[in-house]
Amino acid sequence: MLSEIEATCQDVIIISKGKVVATDTMDNLTHRLKGSEAVAIEVEGRNGAELATADVQRKLEQVSGVSRVINKVEGARLRFEVESLQGRVVRAEVARAVVESGWNLTELAPVSVSLEEVFLQLTESKK
């Protein structure tokens, strides 16, 4: 039922063993637990040009503040999840790196943690 709560509620209270362990908005809980930013991006070549996955990944890994780039290629679509270092925001730098490389940035979206992941992290650490 956590997915239904996540879809319908703005504020969340998490209780473990009869004690409130967190009360906040989903966004705040997610950012507080992650401590870093993760964004999903999709890149394509301009004018139908093909791109090498390794080249794009290498370029993304060189962006200041990026800690990890995960290849999420789906068929011909080059998709990546880019994670930042603790406390860094890298969306603008990632977008700039893609565009300055002459590629099309077709998607840039935050990757969020599910309520279930938040719940498990908060309640497991309170055992």
N, C-alpha and C. Protein backbone atom coordinates (compact mmCIF):
# COMPACT_ATOMS: atom_id res chain seq x y z
N MET A 1 0.80 -1.19 0.00
CA MET A 1 0.00 0.00 0.00
C MET A 1 0.85 1.27 0.00
N LEU A 2 2.15 1.12 0.18
CA LEU A 2 3.01 2.30 0.20
C LEU A 2 2.98 3.06 -1.11
N SER A 3 2.83 2.35 -2.22
CA SER A 3 2.78 3.03 -3.51
C SER A 3 1.52 3.89 -3.62
N GLU A 4 0.42 3.43 -3.04
CA GLU A 4 -0.82 4.22 -3.04
C GLU A 4 -0.68 5.46 -2.16
N ILE A 5 -0.05 5.29 -1.01
CA ILE A 5 0.19 6.42 -0.11
C ILE A 5 1.07 7.45 -0.82
N GLU A 6 2.11 6.97 -1.47
CA GLU A 6 3.03 7.86 -2.19
C GLU A 6 2.31 8.65 -3.28
N ALA A 7 1.36 8.01 -3.94
CA ALA A 7 0.64 8.65 -5.04
C ALA A 7 -0.41 9.65 -4.56
N THR A 8 -0.89 9.50 -3.34
CA THR A 8 -2.00 10.34 -2.89
C THR A 8 -1.67 11.33 -1.77
N CYS A 9 -0.59 11.12 -1.05
CA CYS A 9 -0.28 11.96 0.11
C CYS A 9 0.89 12.89 -0.17
N GLN A 10 0.83 14.07 0.43
CA GLN A 10 1.94 15.02 0.31
C GLN A 10 2.88 14.91 1.50
N ASP A 11 2.32 14.77 2.69
CA ASP A 11 3.12 14.63 3.90
C ASP A 11 3.04 13.19 4.38
N VAL A 12 4.13 12.73 5.00
CA VAL A 12 4.21 11.34 5.42
C VAL A 12 4.71 11.30 6.87
N ILE A 13 4.11 10.41 7.65
CA ILE A 13 4.60 10.12 8.99
C ILE A 13 4.98 8.64 9.00
N ILE A 14 6.20 8.34 9.41
CA ILE A 14 6.65 6.95 9.47
C ILE A 14 6.83 6.58 10.93
N ILE A 15 6.18 5.48 11.31
CA ILE A 15 6.20 5.01 12.69
C ILE A 15 6.86 3.64 12.71
N SER A 16 7.78 3.44 13.63
CA SER A 16 8.44 2.16 13.79
C SER A 16 8.41 1.78 15.27
N LYS A 17 7.87 0.60 15.57
CA LYS A 17 7.77 0.09 16.94
C LYS A 17 7.10 1.10 17.86
N GLY A 18 6.04 1.73 17.35
CA GLY A 18 5.25 2.65 18.15
C GLY A 18 5.83 4.05 18.31
N LYS A 19 6.94 4.33 17.66
CA LYS A 19 7.57 5.65 17.77
C LYS A 19 7.67 6.30 16.39
N VAL A 20 7.40 7.60 16.35
CA VAL A 20 7.52 8.36 15.10
C VAL A 20 9.02 8.50 14.79
N VAL A 21 9.42 8.00 13.61
CA VAL A 21 10.82 8.12 13.21
C VAL A 21 11.03 9.18 12.15
N ALA A 22 9.94 9.61 11.49
CA ALA A 22 10.05 10.68 10.50
C ALA A 22 8.68 11.26 10.21
N THR A 23 8.66 12.55 10.00
CA THR A 23 7.46 13.23 9.53
C THR A 23 7.90 14.38 8.64
N ASP A 24 7.53 14.31 7.37
CA ASP A 24 7.99 15.31 6.40
C ASP A 24 7.29 15.08 5.07
N THR A 25 7.63 15.91 4.09
CA THR A 25 7.14 15.68 2.74
C THR A 25 7.98 14.58 2.10
N MET A 26 7.47 13.96 1.07
CA MET A 26 8.23 12.92 0.36
C MET A 26 9.54 13.49 -0.18
N ASP A 27 9.47 14.67 -0.80
CA ASP A 27 10.68 15.27 -1.37
C ASP A 27 11.75 15.49 -0.31
N ASN A 28 11.36 16.04 0.83
CA ASN A 28 12.33 16.30 1.89
C ASN A 28 12.92 15.02 2.45
N LEU A 29 12.08 14.00 2.65
CA LEU A 29 12.58 12.72 3.14
C LEU A 29 13.57 12.11 2.17
N THR A 30 13.23 12.16 0.90
CA THR A 30 14.09 11.59 -0.13
C THR A 30 15.45 12.28 -0.17
N HIS A 31 15.44 13.61 -0.20
CA HIS A 31 16.69 14.35 -0.27
C HIS A 31 17.52 14.16 1.00
N ARG A 32 16.86 14.12 2.14
CA ARG A 32 17.57 13.96 3.40
C ARG A 32 18.25 12.60 3.47
N LEU A 33 17.57 11.56 2.97
CA LEU A 33 18.14 10.22 3.03
C LEU A 33 19.22 9.99 1.98
N LYS A 34 18.99 10.51 0.80
CA LYS A 34 19.98 10.31 -0.27
C LYS A 34 21.21 11.17 -0.08
N GLY A 35 21.00 12.42 0.23
CA GLY A 35 22.12 13.33 0.40
C GLY A 35 22.79 13.72 -0.90
N SER A 36 22.34 13.14 -1.99
CA SER A 36 22.90 13.47 -3.29
C SER A 36 21.76 13.51 -4.31
N GLU A 37 22.07 14.06 -5.45
CA GLU A 37 21.07 14.17 -6.52
C GLU A 37 21.29 13.06 -7.54
N ALA A 38 20.20 12.54 -8.08
CA ALA A 38 20.29 11.59 -9.19
C ALA A 38 19.33 12.06 -10.27
N VAL A 39 19.82 12.08 -11.51
CA VAL A 39 18.98 12.48 -12.63
C VAL A 39 19.06 11.43 -13.74
N ALA A 40 17.94 11.26 -14.41
CA ALA A 40 17.89 10.37 -15.57
C ALA A 40 18.01 11.26 -16.80
N ILE A 41 18.88 10.88 -17.72
CA ILE A 41 19.01 11.65 -18.95
C ILE A 41 18.94 10.72 -20.15
N GLU A 42 18.49 11.30 -21.25
CA GLU A 42 18.47 10.59 -22.53
C GLU A 42 19.15 11.49 -23.54
N VAL A 43 20.06 10.91 -24.32
CA VAL A 43 20.87 11.67 -25.27
C VAL A 43 20.77 11.02 -26.64
N GLU A 44 20.75 11.86 -27.68
CA GLU A 44 20.78 11.33 -29.05
C GLU A 44 21.67 12.24 -29.89
N GLY A 45 22.17 11.69 -30.98
CA GLY A 45 22.99 12.49 -31.89
C GLY A 45 22.14 13.46 -32.69
N ARG A 46 22.73 14.57 -33.05
CA ARG A 46 22.01 15.54 -33.87
C ARG A 46 21.92 15.05 -35.30
N ASN A 47 20.82 15.37 -35.95
CA ASN A 47 20.59 15.01 -37.35
C ASN A 47 20.75 13.51 -37.60
N GLY A 48 20.35 12.70 -36.63
CA GLY A 48 20.38 11.25 -36.80
C GLY A 48 21.74 10.61 -36.64
N ALA A 49 22.74 11.38 -36.24
CA ALA A 49 24.09 10.82 -36.05
C ALA A 49 24.08 9.82 -34.90
N GLU A 50 24.80 8.72 -35.10
CA GLU A 50 24.89 7.71 -34.05
C GLU A 50 25.94 8.12 -33.03
N LEU A 51 25.68 7.78 -31.78
CA LEU A 51 26.61 8.08 -30.70
C LEU A 51 27.14 6.79 -30.10
N ALA A 52 28.38 6.82 -29.67
CA ALA A 52 28.96 5.69 -28.95
C ALA A 52 28.63 5.84 -27.48
N THR A 53 28.01 4.82 -26.91
CA THR A 53 27.61 4.85 -25.50
C THR A 53 28.80 5.19 -24.61
N ALA A 54 29.94 4.59 -24.86
CA ALA A 54 31.13 4.82 -24.03
C ALA A 54 31.57 6.28 -24.07
N ASP A 55 31.46 6.93 -25.24
CA ASP A 55 31.84 8.34 -25.36
C ASP A 55 30.94 9.23 -24.50
N VAL A 56 29.65 8.97 -24.56
CA VAL A 56 28.70 9.77 -23.79
C VAL A 56 28.92 9.53 -22.29
N GLN A 57 29.07 8.28 -21.91
CA GLN A 57 29.29 7.98 -20.50
C GLN A 57 30.56 8.64 -19.98
N ARG A 58 31.62 8.58 -20.75
CA ARG A 58 32.90 9.19 -20.36
C ARG A 58 32.73 10.70 -20.17
N LYS A 59 32.01 11.35 -21.09
CA LYS A 59 31.78 12.79 -20.99
C LYS A 59 31.00 13.13 -19.73
N LEU A 60 29.97 12.34 -19.43
CA LEU A 60 29.16 12.58 -18.23
C LEU A 60 29.97 12.38 -16.96
N GLU A 61 30.84 11.40 -16.96
CA GLU A 61 31.67 11.13 -15.78
C GLU A 61 32.67 12.26 -15.52
N GLN A 62 32.99 13.04 -16.54
CA GLN A 62 33.94 14.15 -16.39
C GLN A 62 33.29 15.42 -15.84
N VAL A 63 31.97 15.46 -15.74
CA VAL A 63 31.28 16.64 -15.23
C VAL A 63 31.61 16.81 -13.76
N SER A 64 31.98 18.01 -13.37
CA SER A 64 32.31 18.32 -11.98
C SER A 64 31.13 18.02 -11.07
N GLY A 65 31.37 17.28 -10.01
CA GLY A 65 30.32 16.96 -9.04
C GLY A 65 29.64 15.63 -9.28
N VAL A 66 29.94 14.97 -10.40
CA VAL A 66 29.33 13.67 -10.69
C VAL A 66 30.12 12.57 -10.00
N SER A 67 29.41 11.69 -9.29
CA SER A 67 30.08 10.58 -8.61
C SER A 67 29.98 9.28 -9.38
N ARG A 68 28.87 9.11 -10.13
CA ARG A 68 28.67 7.83 -10.82
C ARG A 68 27.72 8.01 -11.98
N VAL A 69 27.98 7.29 -13.07
CA VAL A 69 27.09 7.29 -14.24
C VAL A 69 26.74 5.83 -14.53
N ILE A 70 25.45 5.55 -14.57
CA ILE A 70 24.97 4.20 -14.81
C ILE A 70 24.33 4.16 -16.19
N ASN A 71 24.79 3.25 -17.02
CA ASN A 71 24.29 3.07 -18.37
C ASN A 71 22.94 2.37 -18.32
N LYS A 72 21.92 3.00 -18.90
CA LYS A 72 20.57 2.43 -18.93
C LYS A 72 20.08 2.34 -20.37
N VAL A 73 20.95 2.00 -21.30
CA VAL A 73 20.63 1.97 -22.72
C VAL A 73 19.44 1.05 -22.98
N GLU A 74 18.47 1.57 -23.72
CA GLU A 74 17.28 0.81 -24.10
C GLU A 74 17.19 0.82 -25.62
N GLY A 75 17.62 -0.24 -26.24
CA GLY A 75 17.62 -0.29 -27.71
C GLY A 75 18.55 0.77 -28.27
N ALA A 76 18.02 1.60 -29.14
CA ALA A 76 18.82 2.65 -29.77
C ALA A 76 18.89 3.92 -28.91
N ARG A 77 18.13 3.95 -27.82
CA ARG A 77 18.09 5.14 -26.96
C ARG A 77 19.21 5.09 -25.94
N LEU A 78 19.99 6.15 -25.86
CA LEU A 78 21.06 6.23 -24.88
C LEU A 78 20.51 6.90 -23.62
N ARG A 79 20.35 6.10 -22.59
CA ARG A 79 19.82 6.60 -21.32
C ARG A 79 20.85 6.33 -20.22
N PHE A 80 20.94 7.29 -19.31
CA PHE A 80 21.89 7.17 -18.21
C PHE A 80 21.25 7.68 -16.94
N GLU A 81 21.70 7.16 -15.81
CA GLU A 81 21.37 7.74 -14.51
C GLU A 81 22.66 8.34 -13.98
N VAL A 82 22.61 9.61 -13.67
CA VAL A 82 23.79 10.34 -13.22
C VAL A 82 23.60 10.70 -11.76
N GLU A 83 24.54 10.28 -10.92
CA GLU A 83 24.47 10.57 -9.49
C GLU A 83 25.53 11.59 -9.13
N SER A 84 25.17 12.50 -8.23
CA SER A 84 26.10 13.55 -7.82
C SER A 84 26.84 13.15 -6.55
N LEU A 85 27.89 13.89 -6.27
CA LEU A 85 28.58 13.76 -5.00
C LEU A 85 27.65 14.29 -3.91
N GLN A 86 27.92 13.91 -2.68
CA GLN A 86 27.11 14.35 -1.54
C GLN A 86 26.96 15.87 -1.53
N GLY A 87 25.73 16.34 -1.47
CA GLY A 87 25.45 17.77 -1.36
C GLY A 87 25.61 18.58 -2.64
N ARG A 88 25.86 17.94 -3.76
CA ARG A 88 26.04 18.66 -5.03
C ARG A 88 24.81 18.54 -5.90
N VAL A 89 24.55 19.57 -6.70
CA VAL A 89 23.48 19.59 -7.69
C VAL A 89 24.15 19.70 -9.05
N VAL A 90 23.89 18.73 -9.93
CA VAL A 90 24.65 18.66 -11.19
C VAL A 90 23.80 18.78 -12.45
N ARG A 91 22.50 18.99 -12.30
CA ARG A 91 21.62 19.02 -13.48
C ARG A 91 22.09 19.99 -14.55
N ALA A 92 22.37 21.22 -14.16
CA ALA A 92 22.76 22.24 -15.14
C ALA A 92 24.07 21.87 -15.83
N GLU A 93 25.04 21.39 -15.06
CA GLU A 93 26.34 21.03 -15.64
C GLU A 93 26.23 19.84 -16.59
N VAL A 94 25.38 18.87 -16.24
CA VAL A 94 25.17 17.71 -17.10
C VAL A 94 24.52 18.15 -18.41
N ALA A 95 23.50 18.98 -18.32
CA ALA A 95 22.82 19.48 -19.53
C ALA A 95 23.79 20.25 -20.41
N ARG A 96 24.59 21.11 -19.79
CA ARG A 96 25.57 21.91 -20.54
C ARG A 96 26.59 21.00 -21.24
N ALA A 97 27.07 19.97 -20.56
CA ALA A 97 28.06 19.06 -21.15
C ALA A 97 27.49 18.34 -22.37
N VAL A 98 26.24 17.93 -22.30
CA VAL A 98 25.60 17.24 -23.43
C VAL A 98 25.46 18.18 -24.62
N VAL A 99 24.92 19.37 -24.38
CA VAL A 99 24.68 20.32 -25.46
C VAL A 99 26.00 20.81 -26.07
N GLU A 100 26.99 21.10 -25.22
CA GLU A 100 28.28 21.56 -25.73
C GLU A 100 29.02 20.48 -26.51
N SER A 101 28.66 19.22 -26.29
CA SER A 101 29.26 18.12 -27.05
C SER A 101 28.60 17.95 -28.41
N GLY A 102 27.56 18.73 -28.67
CA GLY A 102 26.88 18.67 -29.95
C GLY A 102 25.80 17.60 -30.02
N TRP A 103 25.34 17.13 -28.85
CA TRP A 103 24.31 16.11 -28.80
C TRP A 103 22.98 16.73 -28.40
N ASN A 104 21.90 16.02 -28.68
CA ASN A 104 20.57 16.45 -28.25
C ASN A 104 20.27 15.85 -26.87
N LEU A 105 19.81 16.68 -25.97
CA LEU A 105 19.35 16.23 -24.66
C LEU A 105 17.84 16.08 -24.76
N THR A 106 17.37 14.83 -24.84
CA THR A 106 15.94 14.61 -25.05
C THR A 106 15.17 14.36 -23.76
N GLU A 107 15.89 14.12 -22.67
CA GLU A 107 15.22 13.96 -21.38
C GLU A 107 16.19 14.29 -20.26
N LEU A 108 15.68 14.98 -19.25
CA LEU A 108 16.44 15.28 -18.03
C LEU A 108 15.42 15.32 -16.91
N ALA A 109 15.42 14.30 -16.05
CA ALA A 109 14.40 14.20 -15.01
C ALA A 109 15.02 13.70 -13.71
N PRO A 110 14.53 14.20 -12.58
CA PRO A 110 15.05 13.71 -11.30
C PRO A 110 14.66 12.26 -11.09
N VAL A 111 15.54 11.52 -10.44
CA VAL A 111 15.26 10.14 -10.07
C VAL A 111 14.94 10.17 -8.58
N SER A 112 13.77 9.69 -8.24
CA SER A 112 13.37 9.76 -6.84
C SER A 112 13.44 8.38 -6.19
N VAL A 113 13.52 8.41 -4.88
CA VAL A 113 13.50 7.20 -4.07
C VAL A 113 12.04 6.92 -3.73
N SER A 114 11.64 5.66 -3.77
CA SER A 114 10.25 5.31 -3.47
C SER A 114 10.00 5.39 -1.96
N LEU A 115 8.74 5.52 -1.61
CA LEU A 115 8.36 5.55 -0.20
C LEU A 115 8.76 4.25 0.49
N GLU A 116 8.68 3.16 -0.24
CA GLU A 116 9.08 1.87 0.34
C GLU A 116 10.57 1.89 0.71
N GLU A 117 11.42 2.44 -0.16
CA GLU A 117 12.85 2.52 0.14
C GLU A 117 13.11 3.42 1.35
N VAL A 118 12.40 4.54 1.41
CA VAL A 118 12.52 5.46 2.55
C VAL A 118 12.10 4.75 3.83
N PHE A 119 10.95 4.07 3.79
CA PHE A 119 10.43 3.35 4.95
C PHE A 119 11.43 2.31 5.44
N LEU A 120 11.95 1.51 4.52
CA LEU A 120 12.89 0.47 4.90
C LEU A 120 14.16 1.04 5.50
N GLN A 121 14.67 2.11 4.92
CA GLN A 121 15.89 2.73 5.45
C GLN A 121 15.67 3.26 6.86
N LEU A 122 14.55 3.91 7.08
CA LEU A 122 14.29 4.51 8.39
C LEU A 122 13.95 3.49 9.46
N THR A 123 13.22 2.46 9.10
CA THR A 123 12.82 1.48 10.11
C THR A 123 13.89 0.43 10.38
N GLU A 124 14.71 0.10 9.39
CA GLU A 124 15.79 -0.87 9.62
C GLU A 124 16.87 -0.29 10.51
N SER A 125 17.13 1.01 10.39
CA SER A 125 18.20 1.62 11.19
C SER A 125 17.76 1.82 12.64
N LYS A 126 16.48 1.66 12.93
CA LYS A 126 15.96 1.88 14.28
C LYS A 126 15.80 0.58 15.06
N LYS A 127 16.29 -0.54 14.54
CA LYS A 127 16.14 -1.85 15.22
C LYS A 127 16.99 -1.91 16.47
